[in-house]
């Protein structure tokens, strides 16, 4: 195997992993607009992880998301994964737990992180 084909294989593999997990954000209301809780004007791309870019250790929200089938549901929406007094739905702009993938969330402003 040449250096070129080895490099190409590695890049394609990493790309597939990255795109495979980033689509989890599309399974959440405002999943691509969750703000970094400590850095104004920054987004937290790995919503279910301790690492803002994703991967590695899951936070409380990520553990709940995985446990409940890696999809948005009324049960996940009504939980307060991070124990801050707000439900995951309130934090992600779906306070009534009615959002479905592919639709605009009921609220798109005032979004907070459900796992931090």
Protein backbone atom coordinates (compact mmCIF):
# COMPACT_ATOMS: atom_id res chain seq x y z
CA UNK A 1 0.00 0.00 0.00
CA UNK A 2 1.40 3.38 -0.92
CA UNK A 3 1.69 6.32 1.42
CA UNK A 4 -0.98 8.11 -0.62
CA UNK A 5 -3.54 5.32 -0.33
CA UNK A 6 -2.78 4.87 3.39
CA UNK A 7 -3.34 8.57 3.99
CA UNK A 8 -6.53 8.56 1.93
CA UNK A 9 -7.87 5.55 3.84
CA UNK A 10 -7.13 7.24 7.15
CA UNK A 11 -8.82 10.50 6.11
CA UNK A 12 -11.90 8.70 4.82
CA UNK A 13 -12.15 6.71 8.04
CA UNK A 14 -11.89 9.80 10.23
CA UNK A 15 -14.37 11.63 8.02
CA UNK A 16 -16.88 8.80 8.32
CA UNK A 17 -16.54 8.76 12.11
CA UNK A 18 -16.92 12.51 12.36
CA UNK A 19 -19.97 12.73 10.14
CA UNK A 20 -21.52 9.70 11.83
CA UNK A 21 -21.51 11.29 15.25
CA UNK A 22 -22.16 14.90 14.29
CA UNK A 23 -25.56 13.86 12.98
CA UNK A 24 -26.63 13.26 16.57
CA UNK A 25 -27.00 17.04 16.79
CA UNK A 26 -29.72 16.83 14.15
CA UNK A 27 -31.68 14.55 16.48
CA UNK A 28 -32.02 17.36 19.02
CA UNK A 29 -33.94 20.64 18.88
CA UNK A 30 -31.36 23.37 18.29
CA UNK A 31 -28.70 20.66 18.40
CA UNK A 32 -26.42 22.70 16.16
CA UNK A 33 -26.90 25.89 18.18
CA UNK A 34 -26.04 24.89 21.76
CA UNK A 35 -23.86 27.63 23.25
CA UNK A 36 -20.65 27.00 25.14
CA UNK A 37 -21.58 27.70 28.79
CA UNK A 38 -18.26 29.41 29.55
CA UNK A 39 -17.33 31.12 26.27
CA UNK A 40 -19.75 33.67 24.82
CA UNK A 41 -20.21 33.39 21.04
CA UNK A 42 -18.86 29.81 20.93
CA UNK A 43 -20.91 26.69 20.24
CA UNK A 44 -20.67 23.35 22.02
CA UNK A 45 -20.61 20.87 19.13
CA UNK A 46 -20.41 17.73 21.27
CA UNK A 47 -23.60 18.35 23.26
CA UNK A 48 -23.49 14.90 24.89
CA UNK A 49 -19.79 15.06 25.78
CA UNK A 50 -17.51 16.76 28.28
CA UNK A 51 -15.37 17.87 25.32
CA UNK A 52 -16.92 20.79 23.44
CA UNK A 53 -15.90 19.26 20.11
CA UNK A 54 -17.37 15.86 20.99
CA UNK A 55 -15.88 12.48 21.62
CA UNK A 56 -14.55 11.00 24.81
CA UNK A 57 -16.36 11.07 28.12
CA UNK A 58 -20.11 11.67 27.98
CA UNK A 59 -21.75 14.24 30.23
CA UNK A 60 -25.01 13.55 32.09
CA UNK A 61 -27.10 14.57 29.06
CA UNK A 62 -25.06 12.31 26.77
CA UNK A 63 -25.57 9.36 29.12
CA UNK A 64 -29.34 9.99 29.21
CA UNK A 65 -29.45 10.43 25.41
CA UNK A 66 -27.66 7.11 24.88
CA UNK A 67 -29.72 5.27 27.52
CA UNK A 68 -32.96 6.44 25.89
CA UNK A 69 -32.07 5.29 22.38
CA UNK A 70 -30.01 8.22 21.03
CA UNK A 71 -33.12 10.07 19.91
CA UNK A 72 -35.23 12.99 21.14
CA UNK A 73 -38.24 11.77 23.09
CA UNK A 74 -40.73 13.11 25.60
CA UNK A 75 -38.86 11.23 28.32
CA UNK A 76 -35.48 12.79 27.41
CA UNK A 77 -37.13 16.18 26.97
CA UNK A 78 -38.68 16.11 30.44
CA UNK A 79 -35.48 15.10 32.23
CA UNK A 80 -33.17 17.61 33.88
CA UNK A 81 -29.95 15.82 32.99
CA UNK A 82 -27.59 18.39 34.49
CA UNK A 83 -29.67 19.08 37.60
CA UNK A 84 -29.90 22.84 37.07
CA UNK A 85 -33.66 23.07 37.56
CA UNK A 86 -34.50 23.30 33.84
CA UNK A 87 -35.68 20.36 31.76
CA UNK A 88 -33.66 19.35 28.72
CA UNK A 89 -36.57 20.58 26.61
CA UNK A 90 -36.54 24.00 28.26
CA UNK A 91 -32.80 24.26 27.69
CA UNK A 92 -32.98 23.19 24.04
CA UNK A 93 -36.03 25.26 23.07
CA UNK A 94 -38.71 22.56 23.23
CA UNK A 95 -40.45 23.20 26.57
CA UNK A 96 -43.63 21.33 25.57
CA UNK A 97 -41.66 18.34 24.20
CA UNK A 98 -43.35 18.51 20.79
CA UNK A 99 -40.36 18.92 18.47
CA UNK A 100 -39.63 16.35 15.76
CA UNK A 101 -36.45 16.07 13.65
CA UNK A 102 -36.49 18.14 10.49
CA UNK A 103 -38.81 20.81 11.90
CA UNK A 104 -38.09 24.20 13.42
CA UNK A 105 -37.94 24.06 17.23
CA UNK A 106 -40.64 26.01 19.09
CA UNK A 107 -37.96 28.38 20.42
CA UNK A 108 -34.61 29.23 18.83
CA UNK A 109 -33.29 31.85 21.25
CA UNK A 110 -32.24 31.56 24.86
CA UNK A 111 -30.84 28.07 24.30
CA UNK A 112 -28.66 26.65 27.08
CA UNK A 113 -26.56 23.51 27.47
CA UNK A 114 -28.52 20.53 28.87
CA UNK A 115 -25.42 18.72 30.12
CA UNK A 116 -23.30 21.41 31.76
